[in-house]
Amino acid sequence: MGATARSRRHMVNLNQIVAVVDDDESVCRAIKRLLHSVGIAAETFSSGGEFLDTLAAIPSYRPACVILDVQMPGISGLEVQRQLAPTGLPVIVITAHDELSTRQTALASGAVAYLRKPLNGAILIKAVEMAIGGTLRP
């Protein structure tokens, strides 16, 4: 085994892509940069509808987890989460408007984490590690 193969074991599996669904482009960019800084690939979607359409159109597309904003135009994050439930995809819910009923609904529906914006980068990374099974540890 060469040096490259050895060091690759300490990296995330590149097939593990995190889907970031948020209508705020700056939030998408910031999360994508943050995840990239720790070796996690991310794809961004500007709406729940766009993300659900991609899942429906490309059956082989299966992100390792989904970071999902609650309040978006069109389909809300909680509705996207409800539609994702049968797939077993881990979901991390993010929101700028922390309401107890929303938090309870998201967690009762199986969210791995419920995080308030502005996001704490270290906490978000921890939540993503948990969601994808801790595969980031060397």
N, C-alpha and C. Protein backbone atom coordinates (compact mmCIF):
# COMPACT_ATOMS: atom_id res chain seq x y z
N MET A 1 0.85 -1.17 0.00
CA MET A 1 0.00 0.00 0.00
C MET A 1 0.89 1.23 0.00
N GLY A 2 0.68 2.11 -0.99
CA GLY A 2 1.50 3.32 -1.09
C GLY A 2 1.05 4.39 -0.10
N ALA A 3 1.83 5.45 -0.02
CA ALA A 3 1.53 6.54 0.91
C ALA A 3 0.15 7.15 0.64
N THR A 4 -0.20 7.22 -0.65
CA THR A 4 -1.48 7.82 -1.00
C THR A 4 -2.62 6.98 -0.45
N ALA A 5 -2.54 5.69 -0.61
CA ALA A 5 -3.61 4.81 -0.13
C ALA A 5 -3.72 4.89 1.40
N ARG A 6 -2.58 4.96 2.07
CA ARG A 6 -2.61 5.06 3.54
C ARG A 6 -3.28 6.35 3.99
N SER A 7 -2.89 7.48 3.39
CA SER A 7 -3.47 8.75 3.84
C SER A 7 -4.94 8.85 3.46
N ARG A 8 -5.36 8.18 2.41
CA ARG A 8 -6.74 8.25 1.98
C ARG A 8 -7.68 7.63 3.02
N ARG A 9 -7.16 6.68 3.80
CA ARG A 9 -8.00 6.06 4.82
C ARG A 9 -8.45 7.07 5.86
N HIS A 10 -7.70 8.15 6.02
CA HIS A 10 -8.03 9.16 7.02
C HIS A 10 -8.97 10.22 6.46
N MET A 11 -9.33 10.08 5.21
CA MET A 11 -10.22 11.06 4.59
C MET A 11 -11.62 10.49 4.57
N VAL A 12 -12.55 11.35 4.37
CA VAL A 12 -13.94 10.93 4.23
C VAL A 12 -14.09 10.19 2.91
N ASN A 13 -14.99 9.24 2.88
CA ASN A 13 -15.32 8.56 1.63
C ASN A 13 -15.89 9.61 0.68
N LEU A 14 -15.26 9.79 -0.46
CA LEU A 14 -15.67 10.86 -1.36
C LEU A 14 -17.06 10.63 -1.95
N ASN A 15 -17.59 9.43 -1.80
CA ASN A 15 -18.96 9.18 -2.26
C ASN A 15 -19.96 9.79 -1.29
N GLN A 16 -19.48 10.20 -0.13
CA GLN A 16 -20.40 10.75 0.86
C GLN A 16 -20.54 12.24 0.64
N ILE A 17 -21.64 12.60 0.06
CA ILE A 17 -21.93 14.00 -0.21
C ILE A 17 -23.05 14.43 0.71
N VAL A 18 -22.92 15.62 1.28
CA VAL A 18 -23.96 16.17 2.12
C VAL A 18 -24.78 17.14 1.26
N ALA A 19 -26.09 17.00 1.29
CA ALA A 19 -26.97 17.91 0.57
C ALA A 19 -27.36 19.05 1.53
N VAL A 20 -27.18 20.28 1.08
CA VAL A 20 -27.55 21.45 1.87
C VAL A 20 -28.73 22.12 1.16
N VAL A 21 -29.88 22.18 1.85
CA VAL A 21 -31.09 22.73 1.25
C VAL A 21 -31.49 23.98 2.04
N ASP A 22 -31.25 25.16 1.42
CA ASP A 22 -31.56 26.44 2.08
C ASP A 22 -31.79 27.47 0.99
N ASP A 23 -32.83 28.29 1.14
CA ASP A 23 -33.11 29.29 0.13
C ASP A 23 -32.17 30.49 0.21
N ASP A 24 -31.36 30.57 1.27
CA ASP A 24 -30.39 31.65 1.42
C ASP A 24 -29.05 31.20 0.85
N GLU A 25 -28.69 31.79 -0.29
CA GLU A 25 -27.48 31.37 -0.99
C GLU A 25 -26.23 31.54 -0.14
N SER A 26 -26.18 32.60 0.69
CA SER A 26 -24.99 32.82 1.52
C SER A 26 -24.84 31.73 2.58
N VAL A 27 -25.96 31.23 3.10
CA VAL A 27 -25.92 30.13 4.06
C VAL A 27 -25.41 28.87 3.37
N CYS A 28 -25.92 28.59 2.18
CA CYS A 28 -25.45 27.42 1.42
C CYS A 28 -23.94 27.49 1.18
N ARG A 29 -23.48 28.65 0.74
CA ARG A 29 -22.04 28.82 0.47
C ARG A 29 -21.21 28.62 1.73
N ALA A 30 -21.66 29.21 2.84
CA ALA A 30 -20.90 29.12 4.10
C ALA A 30 -20.82 27.67 4.58
N ILE A 31 -21.93 26.94 4.52
CA ILE A 31 -21.93 25.55 4.97
C ILE A 31 -21.06 24.70 4.06
N LYS A 32 -21.18 24.94 2.75
CA LYS A 32 -20.37 24.18 1.79
C LYS A 32 -18.87 24.39 2.06
N ARG A 33 -18.48 25.66 2.30
CA ARG A 33 -17.07 25.97 2.61
C ARG A 33 -16.62 25.29 3.90
N LEU A 34 -17.47 25.39 4.92
CA LEU A 34 -17.15 24.78 6.21
C LEU A 34 -16.94 23.28 6.07
N LEU A 35 -17.86 22.60 5.41
CA LEU A 35 -17.75 21.15 5.25
C LEU A 35 -16.52 20.80 4.40
N HIS A 36 -16.30 21.57 3.34
CA HIS A 36 -15.13 21.33 2.48
C HIS A 36 -13.83 21.45 3.28
N SER A 37 -13.81 22.36 4.25
CA SER A 37 -12.59 22.58 5.04
C SER A 37 -12.22 21.35 5.88
N VAL A 38 -13.19 20.48 6.13
CA VAL A 38 -12.89 19.24 6.87
C VAL A 38 -13.01 18.01 5.97
N GLY A 39 -13.00 18.23 4.66
CA GLY A 39 -12.94 17.12 3.71
C GLY A 39 -14.28 16.50 3.37
N ILE A 40 -15.37 17.22 3.58
CA ILE A 40 -16.69 16.69 3.25
C ILE A 40 -17.23 17.44 2.04
N ALA A 41 -17.63 16.69 1.03
CA ALA A 41 -18.21 17.31 -0.16
C ALA A 41 -19.66 17.68 0.12
N ALA A 42 -20.09 18.80 -0.44
CA ALA A 42 -21.48 19.22 -0.25
C ALA A 42 -22.05 19.72 -1.56
N GLU A 43 -23.33 19.48 -1.74
CA GLU A 43 -24.06 20.02 -2.88
C GLU A 43 -25.17 20.87 -2.32
N THR A 44 -25.45 22.01 -2.96
CA THR A 44 -26.47 22.91 -2.42
C THR A 44 -27.70 22.94 -3.32
N PHE A 45 -28.83 23.14 -2.68
CA PHE A 45 -30.12 23.24 -3.36
C PHE A 45 -30.83 24.47 -2.79
N SER A 46 -31.46 25.28 -3.65
CA SER A 46 -32.05 26.53 -3.18
C SER A 46 -33.49 26.38 -2.72
N SER A 47 -34.05 25.17 -2.85
CA SER A 47 -35.42 24.96 -2.37
C SER A 47 -35.64 23.47 -2.10
N GLY A 48 -36.65 23.21 -1.27
CA GLY A 48 -37.03 21.83 -1.00
C GLY A 48 -37.51 21.14 -2.26
N GLY A 49 -38.24 21.89 -3.09
CA GLY A 49 -38.73 21.32 -4.35
C GLY A 49 -37.59 20.89 -5.27
N GLU A 50 -36.57 21.75 -5.38
CA GLU A 50 -35.41 21.42 -6.23
C GLU A 50 -34.73 20.15 -5.74
N PHE A 51 -34.57 20.03 -4.42
CA PHE A 51 -33.93 18.85 -3.85
C PHE A 51 -34.77 17.59 -4.09
N LEU A 52 -36.07 17.66 -3.81
CA LEU A 52 -36.94 16.50 -4.01
C LEU A 52 -37.01 16.11 -5.48
N ASP A 53 -37.01 17.11 -6.39
CA ASP A 53 -37.01 16.81 -7.83
C ASP A 53 -35.75 16.07 -8.23
N THR A 54 -34.60 16.48 -7.66
CA THR A 54 -33.33 15.82 -7.97
C THR A 54 -33.36 14.37 -7.49
N LEU A 55 -33.87 14.15 -6.28
CA LEU A 55 -33.97 12.78 -5.76
C LEU A 55 -34.86 11.92 -6.66
N ALA A 56 -35.96 12.50 -7.13
CA ALA A 56 -36.90 11.75 -7.97
C ALA A 56 -36.30 11.48 -9.36
N ALA A 57 -35.57 12.46 -9.89
CA ALA A 57 -35.05 12.36 -11.26
C ALA A 57 -33.82 11.46 -11.35
N ILE A 58 -33.05 11.39 -10.26
CA ILE A 58 -31.80 10.62 -10.28
C ILE A 58 -31.84 9.59 -9.16
N PRO A 59 -32.40 8.41 -9.43
CA PRO A 59 -32.56 7.41 -8.37
C PRO A 59 -31.25 7.02 -7.68
N SER A 60 -30.13 7.14 -8.38
CA SER A 60 -28.84 6.76 -7.77
C SER A 60 -28.31 7.85 -6.84
N TYR A 61 -28.91 9.04 -6.88
CA TYR A 61 -28.43 10.14 -6.04
C TYR A 61 -28.91 9.92 -4.61
N ARG A 62 -27.95 9.70 -3.72
CA ARG A 62 -28.31 9.49 -2.32
C ARG A 62 -27.24 10.13 -1.43
N PRO A 63 -27.51 11.35 -0.97
CA PRO A 63 -26.52 12.00 -0.11
C PRO A 63 -26.38 11.25 1.21
N ALA A 64 -25.23 11.45 1.86
CA ALA A 64 -24.98 10.79 3.15
C ALA A 64 -25.87 11.38 4.24
N CYS A 65 -26.18 12.68 4.11
CA CYS A 65 -27.14 13.32 5.00
C CYS A 65 -27.63 14.60 4.34
N VAL A 66 -28.71 15.15 4.91
CA VAL A 66 -29.32 16.35 4.37
C VAL A 66 -29.38 17.41 5.47
N ILE A 67 -28.83 18.59 5.17
CA ILE A 67 -28.95 19.74 6.07
C ILE A 67 -30.09 20.57 5.49
N LEU A 68 -31.13 20.77 6.29
CA LEU A 68 -32.39 21.27 5.78
C LEU A 68 -32.88 22.48 6.56
N ASP A 69 -33.08 23.59 5.86
CA ASP A 69 -33.63 24.79 6.48
C ASP A 69 -35.13 24.59 6.67
N VAL A 70 -35.67 25.11 7.78
CA VAL A 70 -37.10 24.95 8.05
C VAL A 70 -37.93 25.86 7.16
N GLN A 71 -37.60 27.16 7.15
CA GLN A 71 -38.43 28.13 6.45
C GLN A 71 -37.88 28.42 5.07
N MET A 72 -38.61 27.92 4.06
CA MET A 72 -38.24 28.17 2.67
C MET A 72 -39.53 28.43 1.90
N PRO A 73 -39.44 29.21 0.83
CA PRO A 73 -40.64 29.40 0.01
C PRO A 73 -41.02 28.07 -0.65
N GLY A 74 -42.31 27.90 -0.89
CA GLY A 74 -42.75 26.64 -1.50
C GLY A 74 -42.86 25.57 -0.43
N ILE A 75 -42.12 24.50 -0.59
CA ILE A 75 -42.18 23.38 0.35
C ILE A 75 -41.31 23.69 1.57
N SER A 76 -41.88 23.61 2.75
CA SER A 76 -41.11 23.89 3.97
C SER A 76 -40.12 22.75 4.24
N GLY A 77 -39.13 23.05 5.06
CA GLY A 77 -38.16 22.03 5.44
C GLY A 77 -38.80 20.85 6.16
N LEU A 78 -39.81 21.13 7.00
CA LEU A 78 -40.47 20.04 7.72
C LEU A 78 -41.24 19.13 6.76
N GLU A 79 -41.81 19.71 5.69
CA GLU A 79 -42.51 18.90 4.69
C GLU A 79 -41.50 18.05 3.91
N VAL A 80 -40.34 18.64 3.57
CA VAL A 80 -39.29 17.86 2.89
C VAL A 80 -38.86 16.71 3.80
N GLN A 81 -38.67 17.02 5.09
CA GLN A 81 -38.26 15.98 6.04
C GLN A 81 -39.30 14.87 6.08
N ARG A 82 -40.58 15.24 6.09
CA ARG A 82 -41.66 14.25 6.12
C ARG A 82 -41.58 13.34 4.88
N GLN A 83 -41.33 13.94 3.72
CA GLN A 83 -41.24 13.16 2.49
C GLN A 83 -39.98 12.29 2.45
N LEU A 84 -38.93 12.72 3.15
CA LEU A 84 -37.69 11.94 3.18
C LEU A 84 -37.75 10.78 4.17
N ALA A 85 -38.64 10.85 5.15
CA ALA A 85 -38.68 9.87 6.24
C ALA A 85 -38.61 8.42 5.76
N PRO A 86 -39.39 8.03 4.73
CA PRO A 86 -39.32 6.62 4.30
C PRO A 86 -37.96 6.21 3.73
N THR A 87 -37.14 7.18 3.31
CA THR A 87 -35.84 6.85 2.70
C THR A 87 -34.77 6.54 3.75
N GLY A 88 -35.01 6.98 4.99
CA GLY A 88 -34.01 6.77 6.03
C GLY A 88 -32.81 7.70 5.95
N LEU A 89 -32.86 8.71 5.06
CA LEU A 89 -31.75 9.65 4.97
C LEU A 89 -31.66 10.46 6.27
N PRO A 90 -30.47 10.55 6.87
CA PRO A 90 -30.33 11.38 8.07
C PRO A 90 -30.53 12.85 7.73
N VAL A 91 -31.28 13.55 8.58
CA VAL A 91 -31.60 14.96 8.36
C VAL A 91 -31.12 15.79 9.54
N ILE A 92 -30.46 16.91 9.23
CA ILE A 92 -30.10 17.91 10.23
C ILE A 92 -30.93 19.14 9.89
N VAL A 93 -31.75 19.58 10.84
CA VAL A 93 -32.62 20.72 10.61
C VAL A 93 -31.94 21.99 11.13
N ILE A 94 -31.95 23.05 10.30
CA ILE A 94 -31.39 24.34 10.71
C ILE A 94 -32.48 25.40 10.58
N THR A 95 -32.46 26.39 11.47
CA THR A 95 -33.47 27.44 11.40
C THR A 95 -33.00 28.72 12.08
N ALA A 96 -33.52 29.82 11.59
CA ALA A 96 -33.25 31.11 12.23
C ALA A 96 -34.36 31.42 13.24
N HIS A 97 -35.46 30.70 13.14
CA HIS A 97 -36.63 30.94 13.99
C HIS A 97 -36.87 29.72 14.85
N ASP A 98 -36.27 29.70 16.03
CA ASP A 98 -36.35 28.54 16.90
C ASP A 98 -37.66 28.55 17.69
N GLU A 99 -38.60 27.76 17.24
CA GLU A 99 -39.87 27.64 17.95
C GLU A 99 -39.97 26.23 18.51
N LEU A 100 -40.45 26.13 19.74
CA LEU A 100 -40.52 24.84 20.41
C LEU A 100 -41.30 23.81 19.61
N SER A 101 -42.46 24.20 19.05
CA SER A 101 -43.28 23.23 18.32
C SER A 101 -42.55 22.72 17.08
N THR A 102 -41.81 23.62 16.41
CA THR A 102 -41.05 23.22 15.22
C THR A 102 -39.93 22.27 15.62
N ARG A 103 -39.23 22.62 16.70
CA ARG A 103 -38.15 21.76 17.20
C ARG A 103 -38.70 20.36 17.53
N GLN A 104 -39.82 20.33 18.25
CA GLN A 104 -40.40 19.05 18.65
C GLN A 104 -40.82 18.23 17.44
N THR A 105 -41.43 18.89 16.45
CA THR A 105 -41.85 18.19 15.24
C THR A 105 -40.64 17.61 14.50
N ALA A 106 -39.59 18.43 14.33
CA ALA A 106 -38.40 17.98 13.61
C ALA A 106 -37.75 16.79 14.30
N LEU A 107 -37.57 16.89 15.62
CA LEU A 107 -36.90 15.81 16.36
C LEU A 107 -37.79 14.57 16.44
N ALA A 108 -39.10 14.76 16.60
CA ALA A 108 -40.01 13.61 16.64
C ALA A 108 -40.04 12.89 15.28
N SER A 109 -39.79 13.66 14.22
CA SER A 109 -39.78 13.07 12.87
C SER A 109 -38.43 12.45 12.53
N GLY A 110 -37.50 12.43 13.49
CA GLY A 110 -36.24 11.72 13.29
C GLY A 110 -35.03 12.56 12.95
N ALA A 111 -35.11 13.89 13.07
CA ALA A 111 -33.93 14.72 12.78
C ALA A 111 -32.78 14.31 13.70
N VAL A 112 -31.59 14.20 13.13
CA VAL A 112 -30.39 13.88 13.90
C VAL A 112 -30.04 15.03 14.83
N ALA A 113 -30.27 16.27 14.34
CA ALA A 113 -29.96 17.46 15.13
C ALA A 113 -30.87 18.59 14.68
N TYR A 114 -31.05 19.55 15.57
CA TYR A 114 -31.86 20.75 15.29
C TYR A 114 -31.00 21.92 15.74
N LEU A 115 -30.50 22.69 14.76
CA LEU A 115 -29.53 23.74 15.06
C LEU A 115 -30.07 25.11 14.70
N ARG A 116 -29.75 26.08 15.54
CA ARG A 116 -30.22 27.44 15.34
C ARG A 116 -29.16 28.27 14.59
N LYS A 117 -29.62 29.08 13.65
CA LYS A 117 -28.74 30.02 12.96
C LYS A 117 -28.60 31.26 13.84
N PRO A 118 -27.47 31.95 13.84
CA PRO A 118 -26.27 31.60 13.08
C PRO A 118 -25.65 30.31 13.62
N LEU A 119 -25.20 29.48 12.69
CA LEU A 119 -24.69 28.16 13.05
C LEU A 119 -23.31 28.23 13.68
N ASN A 120 -23.09 27.37 14.66
CA ASN A 120 -21.76 27.18 15.22
C ASN A 120 -21.10 26.10 14.37
N GLY A 121 -20.00 26.46 13.70
CA GLY A 121 -19.35 25.54 12.76
C GLY A 121 -18.96 24.21 13.38
N ALA A 122 -18.38 24.25 14.57
CA ALA A 122 -17.92 23.02 15.22
C ALA A 122 -19.11 22.11 15.54
N ILE A 123 -20.21 22.70 15.99
CA ILE A 123 -21.40 21.90 16.33
C ILE A 123 -22.00 21.30 15.06
N LEU A 124 -22.03 22.08 13.98
CA LEU A 124 -22.56 21.56 12.71
C LEU A 124 -21.71 20.39 12.22
N ILE A 125 -20.40 20.53 12.28
CA ILE A 125 -19.51 19.44 11.83
C ILE A 125 -19.76 18.19 12.68
N LYS A 126 -19.88 18.36 14.00
CA LYS A 126 -20.17 17.23 14.89
C LYS A 126 -21.47 16.54 14.49
N ALA A 127 -22.50 17.36 14.21
CA ALA A 127 -23.80 16.80 13.82
C ALA A 127 -23.69 16.02 12.51
N VAL A 128 -22.93 16.55 11.55
CA VAL A 128 -22.74 15.85 10.27
C VAL A 128 -21.98 14.54 10.51
N GLU A 129 -20.95 14.58 11.36
CA GLU A 129 -20.21 13.35 11.69
C GLU A 129 -21.16 12.29 12.26
N MET A 130 -22.01 12.71 13.19
CA MET A 130 -22.98 11.79 13.78
C MET A 130 -23.91 11.24 12.71
N ALA A 131 -24.40 12.12 11.86
CA ALA A 131 -25.38 11.73 10.85
C ALA A 131 -24.82 10.71 9.86
N ILE A 132 -23.54 10.85 9.52
CA ILE A 132 -22.98 9.92 8.53
C ILE A 132 -22.18 8.80 9.20
N GLY A 133 -22.39 8.64 10.49
CA GLY A 133 -21.84 7.47 11.17
C GLY A 133 -20.44 7.62 11.69
N GLY A 134 -20.00 8.86 11.91
CA GLY A 134 -18.69 9.06 12.51
C GLY A 134 -17.55 8.63 11.63
N THR A 135 -17.76 8.58 10.31
CA THR A 135 -16.70 8.11 9.41
C THR A 135 -15.58 9.13 9.23
N LEU A 136 -15.70 10.30 9.87
CA LEU A 136 -14.65 11.31 9.70
C LEU A 136 -13.46 11.06 10.62
N ARG A 137 -13.63 10.22 11.62
CA ARG A 137 -12.52 10.02 12.55
C ARG A 137 -11.41 9.21 11.89
N PRO A 138 -10.18 9.64 12.09
CA PRO A 138 -9.06 8.92 11.47
C PRO A 138 -8.87 7.55 12.09
